[in-house]
Amino acid sequence: TNPDELGTLANQLTNDYGQLAQEAK
């Protein structure tokens, strides 16, 4: 629908994964 927004979502995914990795320890 709107590939231009993928960058923002990719950034969100990266931030969420970073938080998950910290919580996993």
PDB file of all heavy atoms in Angstrom:
ATOM      1  N   THR A   1       0.798  -1.222   0.000  1.00  0.00           N
ATOM      2  CA  THR A   1       0.000   0.000   0.000  1.00  0.00           C
ATOM      3  C   THR A   1       0.836   1.280   0.000  1.00  0.00           C
ATOM      4  O   THR A   1       0.480   2.237  -0.665  1.00  0.00           O
ATOM      5  CB  THR A   1      -0.952   0.044   1.210  1.00  0.00           C
ATOM      6  OG1 THR A   1      -0.178  -0.004   2.410  1.00  0.00           O
ATOM      7  CG2 THR A   1      -1.940  -1.108   1.170  1.00  0.00           C
ATOM      8  N   ASN A   2       1.929   1.291   0.782  1.00  0.00           N
ATOM      9  CA  ASN A   2       2.714   2.513   0.900  1.00  0.00           C
ATOM     10  C   ASN A   2       4.166   2.184   1.287  1.00  0.00           C
ATOM     11  O   ASN A   2       4.559   2.346   2.444  1.00  0.00           O
ATOM     12  CB  ASN A   2       2.077   3.435   1.952  1.00  0.00           C
ATOM     13  CG  ASN A   2       2.638   4.829   1.887  1.00  0.00           C
ATOM     14  OD1 ASN A   2       3.580   5.099   1.157  1.00  0.00           O
ATOM     15  ND2 ASN A   2       2.064   5.724   2.666  1.00  0.00           N
ATOM     16  N   PRO A   3       4.975   1.743   0.320  1.00  0.00           N
ATOM     17  CA  PRO A   3       6.360   1.345   0.614  1.00  0.00           C
ATOM     18  C   PRO A   3       7.226   2.451   1.212  1.00  0.00           C
ATOM     19  O   PRO A   3       8.239   2.171   1.844  1.00  0.00           O
ATOM     20  CB  PRO A   3       6.913   0.918  -0.744  1.00  0.00           C
ATOM     21  CG  PRO A   3       5.732   0.639  -1.592  1.00  0.00           C
ATOM     22  CD  PRO A   3       4.633   1.523  -1.073  1.00  0.00           C
ATOM     23  N   ASP A   4       6.826   3.716   1.057  1.00  0.00           N
ATOM     24  CA  ASP A   4       7.598   4.825   1.623  1.00  0.00           C
ATOM     25  C   ASP A   4       7.671   4.754   3.150  1.00  0.00           C
ATOM     26  O   ASP A   4       8.598   5.280   3.761  1.00  0.00           O
ATOM     27  CB  ASP A   4       7.000   6.170   1.208  1.00  0.00           C
ATOM     28  CG  ASP A   4       7.158   6.442  -0.278  1.00  0.00           C
ATOM     29  OD1 ASP A   4       8.030   5.803  -0.897  1.00  0.00           O
ATOM     30  OD2 ASP A   4       6.407   7.277  -0.807  1.00  0.00           O
ATOM     31  N   GLU A   5       6.677   4.124   3.771  1.00  0.00           N
ATOM     32  CA  GLU A   5       6.634   4.041   5.234  1.00  0.00           C
ATOM     33  C   GLU A   5       7.458   2.890   5.787  1.00  0.00           C
ATOM     34  O   GLU A   5       7.554   2.719   7.011  1.00  0.00           O
ATOM     35  CB  GLU A   5       5.184   3.934   5.706  1.00  0.00           C
ATOM     36  CG  GLU A   5       4.381   5.190   5.437  1.00  0.00           C
ATOM     37  CD  GLU A   5       2.951   5.094   5.957  1.00  0.00           C
ATOM     38  OE1 GLU A   5       2.707   4.325   6.903  1.00  0.00           O
ATOM     39  OE2 GLU A   5       2.084   5.791   5.406  1.00  0.00           O
ATOM     40  N   LEU A   6       8.046   2.078   4.927  1.00  0.00           N
ATOM     41  CA  LEU A   6       8.814   0.926   5.388  1.00  0.00           C
ATOM     42  C   LEU A   6      10.038   1.328   6.207  1.00  0.00           C
ATOM     43  O   LEU A   6      10.432   0.621   7.135  1.00  0.00           O
ATOM     44  CB  LEU A   6       9.235   0.042   4.211  1.00  0.00           C
ATOM     45  CG  LEU A   6       8.116  -0.779   3.575  1.00  0.00           C
ATOM     46  CD1 LEU A   6       8.622  -1.492   2.335  1.00  0.00           C
ATOM     47  CD2 LEU A   6       7.549  -1.773   4.573  1.00  0.00           C
ATOM     48  N   GLY A   7      10.647   2.463   5.894  1.00  0.00           N
ATOM     49  CA  GLY A   7      11.812   2.923   6.643  1.00  0.00           C
ATOM     50  C   GLY A   7      11.480   3.177   8.106  1.00  0.00           C
ATOM     51  O   GLY A   7      12.223   2.760   9.004  1.00  0.00           O
ATOM     52  N   THR A   8      10.349   3.827   8.340  1.00  0.00           N
ATOM     53  CA  THR A   8       9.911   4.102   9.706  1.00  0.00           C
ATOM     54  C   THR A   8       9.626   2.805  10.453  1.00  0.00           C
ATOM     55  O   THR A   8      10.017   2.638  11.603  1.00  0.00           O
ATOM     56  CB  THR A   8       8.642   4.986   9.683  1.00  0.00           C
ATOM     57  OG1 THR A   8       8.918   6.176   8.956  1.00  0.00           O
ATOM     58  CG2 THR A   8       8.188   5.336  11.090  1.00  0.00           C
ATOM     59  N   LEU A   9       8.961   1.880   9.758  1.00  0.00           N
ATOM     60  CA  LEU A   9       8.642   0.597  10.387  1.00  0.00           C
ATOM     61  C   LEU A   9       9.905  -0.227  10.643  1.00  0.00           C
ATOM     62  O   LEU A   9      10.015  -0.907  11.665  1.00  0.00           O
ATOM     63  CB  LEU A   9       7.650  -0.190   9.521  1.00  0.00           C
ATOM     64  CG  LEU A   9       6.247   0.417   9.451  1.00  0.00           C
ATOM     65  CD1 LEU A   9       5.405  -0.291   8.402  1.00  0.00           C
ATOM     66  CD2 LEU A   9       5.572   0.356  10.808  1.00  0.00           C
ATOM     67  N   ALA A  10      10.869  -0.152   9.709  1.00  0.00           N
ATOM     68  CA  ALA A  10      12.138  -0.863   9.903  1.00  0.00           C
ATOM     69  C   ALA A  10      12.872  -0.302  11.116  1.00  0.00           C
ATOM     70  O   ALA A  10      13.462  -1.054  11.906  1.00  0.00           O
ATOM     71  CB  ALA A  10      12.997  -0.760   8.649  1.00  0.00           C
ATOM     72  N   ASN A  11      12.815   0.996  11.295  1.00  0.00           N
ATOM     73  CA  ASN A  11      13.424   1.628  12.465  1.00  0.00           C
ATOM     74  C   ASN A  11      12.735   1.165  13.745  1.00  0.00           C
ATOM     75  O   ASN A  11      13.394   0.864  14.751  1.00  0.00           O
ATOM     76  CB  ASN A  11      13.356   3.150  12.325  1.00  0.00           C
ATOM     77  CG  ASN A  11      14.168   3.860  13.376  1.00  0.00           C
ATOM     78  OD1 ASN A  11      15.235   3.404  13.767  1.00  0.00           O
ATOM     79  ND2 ASN A  11      13.645   4.979  13.841  1.00  0.00           N
ATOM     80  N   GLN A  12      11.411   1.095  13.701  1.00  0.00           N
ATOM     81  CA  GLN A  12      10.641   0.614  14.859  1.00  0.00           C
ATOM     82  C   GLN A  12      11.008  -0.835  15.180  1.00  0.00           C
ATOM     83  O   GLN A  12      11.204  -1.196  16.337  1.00  0.00           O
ATOM     84  CB  GLN A  12       9.134   0.738  14.592  1.00  0.00           C
ATOM     85  CG  GLN A  12       8.264   0.259  15.728  1.00  0.00           C
ATOM     86  CD  GLN A  12       8.414   1.099  16.970  1.00  0.00           C
ATOM     87  OE1 GLN A  12       8.462   2.322  16.898  1.00  0.00           O
ATOM     88  NE2 GLN A  12       8.510   0.470  18.120  1.00  0.00           N
ATOM     89  N   LEU A  13      11.119  -1.651  14.146  1.00  0.00           N
ATOM     90  CA  LEU A  13      11.492  -3.053  14.319  1.00  0.00           C
ATOM     91  C   LEU A  13      12.872  -3.169  14.961  1.00  0.00           C
ATOM     92  O   LEU A  13      13.078  -3.949  15.893  1.00  0.00           O
ATOM     93  CB  LEU A  13      11.472  -3.778  12.966  1.00  0.00           C
ATOM     94  CG  LEU A  13      11.872  -5.252  12.972  1.00  0.00           C
ATOM     95  CD1 LEU A  13      10.874  -6.080  13.756  1.00  0.00           C
ATOM     96  CD2 LEU A  13      11.976  -5.762  11.540  1.00  0.00           C
ATOM     97  N   THR A  14      13.801  -2.356  14.495  1.00  0.00           N
ATOM     98  CA  THR A  14      15.158  -2.362  15.039  1.00  0.00           C
ATOM     99  C   THR A  14      15.161  -1.961  16.515  1.00  0.00           C
ATOM    100  O   THR A  14      15.819  -2.606  17.342  1.00  0.00           O
ATOM    101  CB  THR A  14      16.051  -1.404  14.227  1.00  0.00           C
ATOM    102  OG1 THR A  14      16.022  -1.803  12.857  1.00  0.00           O
ATOM    103  CG2 THR A  14      17.481  -1.427  14.716  1.00  0.00           C
ATOM    104  N   ASN A  15      14.418  -0.923  16.851  1.00  0.00           N
ATOM    105  CA  ASN A  15      14.336  -0.483  18.248  1.00  0.00           C
ATOM    106  C   ASN A  15      13.700  -1.549  19.137  1.00  0.00           C
ATOM    107  O   ASN A  15      14.186  -1.819  20.241  1.00  0.00           O
ATOM    108  CB  ASN A  15      13.544   0.829  18.362  1.00  0.00           C
ATOM    109  CG  ASN A  15      14.280   2.002  17.764  1.00  0.00           C
ATOM    110  OD1 ASN A  15      15.500   1.995  17.653  1.00  0.00           O
ATOM    111  ND2 ASN A  15      13.538   3.011  17.351  1.00  0.00           N
ATOM    112  N   ASP A  16      12.604  -2.150  18.653  1.00  0.00           N
ATOM    113  CA  ASP A  16      11.929  -3.193  19.431  1.00  0.00           C
ATOM    114  C   ASP A  16      12.843  -4.397  19.634  1.00  0.00           C
ATOM    115  O   ASP A  16      12.894  -4.971  20.723  1.00  0.00           O
ATOM    116  CB  ASP A  16      10.634  -3.634  18.752  1.00  0.00           C
ATOM    117  CG  ASP A  16       9.522  -2.601  18.879  1.00  0.00           C
ATOM    118  OD1 ASP A  16       9.634  -1.691  19.726  1.00  0.00           O
ATOM    119  OD2 ASP A  16       8.539  -2.699  18.118  1.00  0.00           O
ATOM    120  N   TYR A  17      13.573  -4.781  18.591  1.00  0.00           N
ATOM    121  CA  TYR A  17      14.481  -5.915  18.740  1.00  0.00           C
ATOM    122  C   TYR A  17      15.596  -5.586  19.742  1.00  0.00           C
ATOM    123  O   TYR A  17      15.969  -6.427  20.561  1.00  0.00           O
ATOM    124  CB  TYR A  17      15.092  -6.363  17.408  1.00  0.00           C
ATOM    125  CG  TYR A  17      16.081  -7.472  17.654  1.00  0.00           C
ATOM    126  CD1 TYR A  17      15.637  -8.761  17.926  1.00  0.00           C
ATOM    127  CD2 TYR A  17      17.450  -7.220  17.702  1.00  0.00           C
ATOM    128  CE1 TYR A  17      16.533  -9.766  18.232  1.00  0.00           C
ATOM    129  CE2 TYR A  17      18.352  -8.223  18.009  1.00  0.00           C
ATOM    130  CZ  TYR A  17      17.886  -9.495  18.266  1.00  0.00           C
ATOM    131  OH  TYR A  17      18.765 -10.492  18.585  1.00  0.00           O
ATOM    132  N   GLY A  18      16.119  -4.375  19.688  1.00  0.00           N
ATOM    133  CA  GLY A  18      17.146  -3.958  20.643  1.00  0.00           C
ATOM    134  C   GLY A  18      16.656  -4.072  22.078  1.00  0.00           C
ATOM    135  O   GLY A  18      17.376  -4.559  22.962  1.00  0.00           O
ATOM    136  N   GLN A  19      15.425  -3.649  22.289  1.00  0.00           N
ATOM    137  CA  GLN A  19      14.834  -3.742  23.627  1.00  0.00           C
ATOM    138  C   GLN A  19      14.658  -5.209  24.020  1.00  0.00           C
ATOM    139  O   GLN A  19      14.954  -5.600  25.148  1.00  0.00           O
ATOM    140  CB  GLN A  19      13.487  -3.017  23.658  1.00  0.00           C
ATOM    141  CG  GLN A  19      12.849  -3.016  25.031  1.00  0.00           C
ATOM    142  CD  GLN A  19      11.549  -2.251  25.073  1.00  0.00           C
ATOM    143  OE1 GLN A  19      11.217  -1.495  24.172  1.00  0.00           O
ATOM    144  NE2 GLN A  19      10.792  -2.453  26.128  1.00  0.00           N
ATOM    145  N   LEU A  20      14.187  -6.038  23.080  1.00  0.00           N
ATOM    146  CA  LEU A  20      14.001  -7.461  23.353  1.00  0.00           C
ATOM    147  C   LEU A  20      15.332  -8.122  23.717  1.00  0.00           C
ATOM    148  O   LEU A  20      15.403  -8.920  24.658  1.00  0.00           O
ATOM    149  CB  LEU A  20      13.380  -8.162  22.142  1.00  0.00           C
ATOM    150  CG  LEU A  20      13.130  -9.656  22.320  1.00  0.00           C
ATOM    151  CD1 LEU A  20      11.849  -9.876  23.103  1.00  0.00           C
ATOM    152  CD2 LEU A  20      13.048 -10.355  20.988  1.00  0.00           C
ATOM    153  N   ALA A  21      16.376  -7.776  22.996  1.00  0.00           N
ATOM    154  CA  ALA A  21      17.695  -8.350  23.268  1.00  0.00           C
ATOM    155  C   ALA A  21      18.162  -7.971  24.674  1.00  0.00           C
ATOM    156  O   ALA A  21      18.738  -8.805  25.391  1.00  0.00           O
ATOM    157  CB  ALA A  21      18.695  -7.887  22.215  1.00  0.00           C
ATOM    158  N   GLN A  22      17.905  -6.726  25.087  1.00  0.00           N
ATOM    159  CA  GLN A  22      18.273  -6.304  26.441  1.00  0.00           C
ATOM    160  C   GLN A  22      17.466  -7.056  27.497  1.00  0.00           C
ATOM    161  O   GLN A  22      17.986  -7.436  28.543  1.00  0.00           O
ATOM    162  CB  GLN A  22      18.066  -4.790  26.607  1.00  0.00           C
ATOM    163  CG  GLN A  22      19.047  -3.952  25.844  1.00  0.00           C
ATOM    164  CD  GLN A  22      20.488  -4.189  26.286  1.00  0.00           C
ATOM    165  OE1 GLN A  22      20.779  -4.275  27.472  1.00  0.00           O
ATOM    166  NE2 GLN A  22      21.380  -4.317  25.331  1.00  0.00           N
ATOM    167  N   GLU A  23      16.184  -7.266  27.206  1.00  0.00           N
ATOM    168  CA  GLU A  23      15.319  -7.968  28.152  1.00  0.00           C
ATOM    169  C   GLU A  23      15.636  -9.461  28.216  1.00  0.00           C
ATOM    170  O   GLU A  23      15.359 -10.120  29.221  1.00  0.00           O
ATOM    171  CB  GLU A  23      13.849  -7.770  27.767  1.00  0.00           C
ATOM    172  CG  GLU A  23      13.375  -6.345  27.903  1.00  0.00           C
ATOM    173  CD  GLU A  23      12.003  -6.109  27.286  1.00  0.00           C
ATOM    174  OE1 GLU A  23      11.441  -7.045  26.668  1.00  0.00           O
ATOM    175  OE2 GLU A  23      11.484  -4.988  27.404  1.00  0.00           O
ATOM    176  N   ALA A  24      16.217  -9.992  27.145  1.00  0.00           N
ATOM    177  CA  ALA A  24      16.505 -11.429  27.083  1.00  0.00           C
ATOM    178  C   ALA A  24      17.640 -11.826  28.013  1.00  0.00           C
ATOM    179  O   ALA A  24      17.673 -12.951  28.516  1.00  0.00           O
ATOM    180  CB  ALA A  24      16.838 -11.838  25.646  1.00  0.00           C
ATOM    181  N   LYS A  25      18.560 -10.908  28.242  1.00  0.00           N
ATOM    182  CA  LYS A  25      19.716 -11.232  29.099  1.00  0.00           C
ATOM    183  C   LYS A  25      19.277 -11.682  30.488  1.00  0.00           C
ATOM    184  O   LYS A  25      19.646 -12.769  30.925  1.00  0.00           O
ATOM    185  CB  LYS A  25      20.670 -10.043  29.164  1.00  0.00           C
ATOM    186  CG  LYS A  25      21.401  -9.791  27.866  1.00  0.00           C
ATOM    187  CD  LYS A  25      22.253  -8.534  27.947  1.00  0.00           C
ATOM    188  CE  LYS A  25      22.850  -8.210  26.579  1.00  0.00           C
ATOM    189  NZ  LYS A  25      23.598  -6.945  26.596  1.00  0.00           N
TER     190      LYS A  25
END
